[in-house]
Amino acid sequence: MAKSEPRPDRLIDVAALKPDTSNRRLHPTRNQTLLVESLQTVGAARSIVIDENDVIIAGNGVAEKAPEAGITKVQVIEADGDTLVAVRRRNLTPDQKRLLAMYDNRTAELAEWKPDQIAADHQAGLNLVPFFTDKELTSLLDAKELTETRKRLEVAKPYEVAWVIIALPLSEWPKHAAAVEAIQAAASFSSIAVREKGGVNSKGRGDPT
């Protein structure tokens, strides 16, 4: 690991940190809510990682939500990677220590991988083998395709759209097929699935490809 000249530790504004534009993690609402609750309940604990230009390498979610929890300063500790950095928190009650540990683990679990960025890494030829099995990587790339499908199905004004879900016994289908197909013809997206003993036959109009 390359060595650099040590610099004095410093206190800077959280707002001065720059987010990673290629961040591979998503922070859904539940994750963000728990991050803020954690910071408000037990305070900051685990460190984030930044580079020499104050770009966040790890901890983008925490840095984003810290101001919302009332934390506006970050103590920058210079490190060379050869020494672990431990954050000591004194005077915590046993219950606070338990909460801190639970928040730390659960907030990490509630973050998700960003399929678009993983797909871009894959297309760029980056080696993802140390991080994902073939099955996991395939699942993430499939998730990207699902995201694209959902985007194509987004409706600008959902309150002006009628969503219709109908389940009919197969024996009743001939009586209602014409009406259902008329609705299908008027829809911007539709799909019909008929479950028979041998499996499911489906057909649709406007199905994403």
Protein backbone atom coordinates (compact mmCIF):
# COMPACT_ATOMS: atom_id res chain seq x y z
CA MET A 1 0.00 0.00 0.00
CA ALA A 2 1.39 3.38 -1.03
CA LYS A 3 2.52 5.59 1.82
CA SER A 4 1.61 9.26 2.09
CA GLU A 5 2.87 12.04 4.28
CA PRO A 6 0.87 12.24 7.51
CA ARG A 7 -1.38 15.27 7.91
CA PRO A 8 -2.88 16.64 11.08
CA ASP A 9 -6.37 15.50 12.00
CA ARG A 10 -9.02 18.11 11.34
CA LEU A 11 -12.65 18.98 11.99
CA ILE A 12 -14.70 19.87 8.92
CA ASP A 13 -18.34 20.32 7.96
CA VAL A 14 -20.21 17.23 6.84
CA ALA A 15 -21.49 19.40 3.97
CA ALA A 16 -17.90 19.66 2.69
CA LEU A 17 -17.82 15.94 1.92
CA LYS A 18 -18.48 14.89 -1.66
CA PRO A 19 -20.72 11.87 -2.37
CA ASP A 20 -19.42 9.02 -4.50
CA THR A 21 -21.06 9.44 -7.91
CA SER A 22 -20.47 5.73 -8.57
CA ASN A 23 -21.81 4.57 -5.22
CA ARG A 24 -22.95 0.97 -5.56
CA ARG A 25 -25.40 1.04 -2.69
CA LEU A 26 -29.03 2.19 -2.56
CA HIS A 27 -30.58 3.54 0.61
CA PRO A 28 -34.33 2.87 0.61
CA THR A 29 -36.65 4.86 2.86
CA ARG A 30 -36.58 2.31 5.68
CA ASN A 31 -32.78 2.31 5.67
CA GLN A 32 -32.63 6.11 5.75
CA THR A 33 -35.20 6.32 8.54
CA LEU A 34 -33.26 3.86 10.69
CA LEU A 35 -29.98 5.70 10.01
CA VAL A 36 -31.47 8.95 11.31
CA GLU A 37 -33.06 7.20 14.29
CA SER A 38 -29.73 5.56 15.11
CA LEU A 39 -27.80 8.84 15.01
CA GLN A 40 -30.43 10.58 17.13
CA THR A 41 -30.71 7.75 19.67
CA VAL A 42 -27.11 6.64 20.25
CA GLY A 43 -25.10 9.18 18.25
CA ALA A 44 -22.36 8.61 15.69
CA ALA A 45 -20.15 5.58 16.15
CA ARG A 46 -18.75 3.77 13.13
CA SER A 47 -16.39 5.87 11.00
CA ILE A 48 -16.89 6.62 7.32
CA VAL A 49 -14.04 6.59 4.79
CA ILE A 50 -13.04 9.49 2.54
CA ASP A 51 -10.16 10.05 0.14
CA GLU A 52 -7.65 12.88 -0.08
CA ASN A 53 -10.22 15.00 -1.94
CA ASP A 54 -12.95 14.49 0.69
CA VAL A 55 -14.88 12.17 -1.63
CA ILE A 56 -16.76 9.52 0.35
CA ILE A 57 -15.56 5.98 -0.36
CA ALA A 58 -17.65 4.24 2.29
CA GLY A 59 -20.49 5.66 4.37
CA ASN A 60 -22.43 7.72 1.83
CA GLY A 61 -25.75 6.95 3.51
CA VAL A 62 -24.55 7.98 6.96
CA ALA A 63 -23.00 11.21 5.67
CA GLU A 64 -26.19 12.09 3.79
CA LYS A 65 -28.48 11.61 6.80
CA ALA A 66 -26.18 12.97 9.55
CA PRO A 67 -27.31 16.63 9.18
CA GLU A 68 -30.94 15.50 9.45
CA ALA A 69 -30.02 13.96 12.81
CA GLY A 70 -28.32 17.19 13.92
CA ILE A 71 -24.71 16.10 13.25
CA THR A 72 -22.98 18.69 11.08
CA LYS A 73 -19.27 18.11 11.83
CA VAL A 74 -16.94 15.25 10.94
CA GLN A 75 -13.61 14.52 12.65
CA VAL A 76 -11.13 13.53 9.94
CA ILE A 77 -8.51 11.04 11.14
CA GLU A 78 -5.53 10.54 8.85
CA ALA A 79 -4.70 6.85 8.37
CA ASP A 80 -2.44 4.80 6.13
CA GLY A 81 -4.42 1.57 6.10
CA ASP A 82 -1.89 -0.33 8.21
CA THR A 83 -3.58 0.49 11.52
CA LEU A 84 -7.17 -0.12 12.52
CA VAL A 85 -9.09 2.99 13.53
CA ALA A 86 -11.26 2.43 16.60
CA VAL A 87 -13.99 4.86 17.62
CA ARG A 88 -14.24 4.86 21.40
CA ARG A 89 -17.62 5.76 22.91
CA ARG A 90 -17.56 6.25 26.66
CA ASN A 91 -20.36 6.34 29.25
CA LEU A 92 -22.91 4.36 27.26
CA THR A 93 -25.39 2.36 29.31
CA PRO A 94 -25.69 -1.39 28.64
CA ASP A 95 -28.96 -0.72 26.82
CA GLN A 96 -27.35 1.99 24.66
CA LYS A 97 -24.50 -0.37 23.77
CA ARG A 98 -27.00 -3.02 22.69
CA LEU A 99 -28.95 -0.49 20.64
CA LEU A 100 -25.79 0.82 19.00
CA ALA A 101 -24.74 -2.68 17.95
CA MET A 102 -28.23 -3.48 16.64
CA TYR A 103 -28.51 -0.21 14.71
CA ASP A 104 -25.05 -0.73 13.23
CA ASN A 105 -25.87 -4.18 11.88
CA ARG A 106 -29.47 -3.59 10.85
CA THR A 107 -28.87 -0.35 8.94
CA ALA A 108 -26.22 -2.15 6.88
CA GLU A 109 -28.67 -4.95 6.07
CA LEU A 110 -31.36 -2.52 4.91
CA ALA A 111 -29.13 -0.95 2.27
CA GLU A 112 -29.30 -2.57 -1.17
CA TRP A 113 -27.04 -3.00 -4.15
CA LYS A 114 -27.60 -0.59 -7.03
CA PRO A 115 -28.26 -2.79 -10.10
CA ASP A 116 -27.54 -0.01 -12.63
CA GLN A 117 -24.06 0.63 -11.24
CA ILE A 118 -23.24 -3.08 -10.89
CA ALA A 119 -24.34 -3.59 -14.50
CA ALA A 120 -22.13 -0.69 -15.60
CA ASP A 121 -19.18 -2.21 -13.73
CA HIS A 122 -19.88 -5.55 -15.38
CA GLN A 123 -20.06 -4.01 -18.85
CA ALA A 124 -16.82 -2.13 -18.19
CA GLY A 125 -15.09 -5.44 -17.52
CA LEU A 126 -14.46 -4.85 -13.82
CA ASN A 127 -13.77 -8.00 -11.83
CA LEU A 128 -16.79 -8.65 -9.61
CA VAL A 129 -15.91 -12.25 -8.75
CA PRO A 130 -14.53 -11.50 -5.26
CA PHE A 131 -17.83 -9.89 -4.29
CA PHE A 132 -20.55 -11.92 -6.01
CA THR A 133 -21.09 -15.50 -7.07
CA ASP A 134 -22.32 -16.07 -10.62
CA LYS A 135 -25.83 -16.64 -9.26
CA GLU A 136 -25.76 -13.42 -7.20
CA LEU A 137 -24.45 -11.39 -10.13
CA THR A 138 -27.11 -12.80 -12.46
CA SER A 139 -29.76 -11.89 -9.90
CA LEU A 140 -28.49 -8.30 -9.72
CA LEU A 141 -28.37 -7.93 -13.50
CA ASP A 142 -31.90 -9.35 -13.73
CA ALA A 143 -32.94 -6.76 -11.14
CA LYS A 144 -31.62 -4.04 -13.45
CA GLU A 145 -33.80 -5.36 -16.25
CA LEU A 146 -36.79 -5.40 -13.89
CA THR A 147 -36.06 -1.78 -12.95
CA GLU A 148 -36.04 -0.81 -16.63
CA THR A 149 -39.33 -2.65 -17.14
CA ARG A 150 -40.91 -0.79 -14.23
CA LYS A 151 -39.72 2.53 -15.68
CA ARG A 152 -41.45 1.73 -18.97
CA LEU A 153 -44.64 1.02 -17.06
CA GLU A 154 -44.57 4.19 -14.99
CA VAL A 155 -47.71 6.30 -15.39
CA ALA A 156 -47.38 10.07 -14.98
CA LYS A 157 -50.77 10.42 -13.27
CA PRO A 158 -51.68 7.13 -11.59
CA TYR A 159 -54.86 8.61 -10.13
CA GLU A 160 -56.24 8.90 -13.68
CA VAL A 161 -55.70 5.22 -14.40
CA ALA A 162 -57.97 2.30 -13.53
CA TRP A 163 -56.12 -0.88 -12.62
CA VAL A 164 -58.21 -4.03 -13.18
CA ILE A 165 -57.35 -7.46 -11.77
CA ILE A 166 -59.79 -10.26 -12.55
CA ALA A 167 -59.68 -13.92 -11.53
CA LEU A 168 -62.22 -16.17 -13.26
CA PRO A 169 -62.77 -19.92 -13.10
CA LEU A 170 -61.66 -21.37 -16.41
CA SER A 171 -65.16 -22.70 -17.02
CA GLU A 172 -66.51 -19.13 -16.87
CA TRP A 173 -63.93 -17.67 -19.23
CA PRO A 174 -65.91 -18.11 -22.50
CA LYS A 175 -68.78 -16.02 -21.09
CA HIS A 176 -66.55 -13.06 -20.28
CA ALA A 177 -63.67 -13.34 -22.75
CA ALA A 178 -65.04 -10.70 -25.15
CA ALA A 179 -65.51 -8.12 -22.37
CA VAL A 180 -62.09 -8.73 -20.91
CA GLU A 181 -60.42 -8.57 -24.32
CA ALA A 182 -62.22 -5.27 -25.02
CA ILE A 183 -60.72 -3.84 -21.84
CA GLN A 184 -57.35 -5.27 -22.83
CA ALA A 185 -57.56 -3.60 -26.24
CA ALA A 186 -58.06 -0.19 -24.62
CA ALA A 187 -55.27 -0.62 -22.09
CA SER A 188 -51.76 0.73 -22.51
CA PHE A 189 -50.49 -2.45 -20.89
CA SER A 190 -52.27 -5.73 -20.25
CA SER A 191 -51.62 -9.40 -19.70
CA ILE A 192 -53.87 -12.45 -19.52
CA ALA A 193 -52.77 -15.69 -17.90
CA VAL A 194 -54.83 -18.87 -18.16
CA ARG A 195 -53.93 -21.57 -15.65
CA GLU A 196 -54.63 -25.05 -16.92
CA LYS A 197 -53.67 -28.44 -15.56
CA GLY A 198 -50.58 -28.50 -17.72
CA GLY A 199 -49.31 -25.07 -16.65
CA VAL A 200 -49.90 -21.41 -17.43
CA ASN A 201 -50.53 -19.96 -20.86
CA SER A 202 -50.30 -16.21 -21.12
CA LYS A 203 -50.72 -13.52 -23.72
CA GLY A 204 -50.57 -9.79 -23.50
CA ARG A 205 -50.67 -6.51 -25.35
CA GLY A 206 -48.03 -3.91 -24.73
CA ASP A 207 -45.91 -6.39 -22.78
CA PRO A 208 -42.38 -5.04 -22.33
CA THR A 209 -39.80 -6.94 -24.35
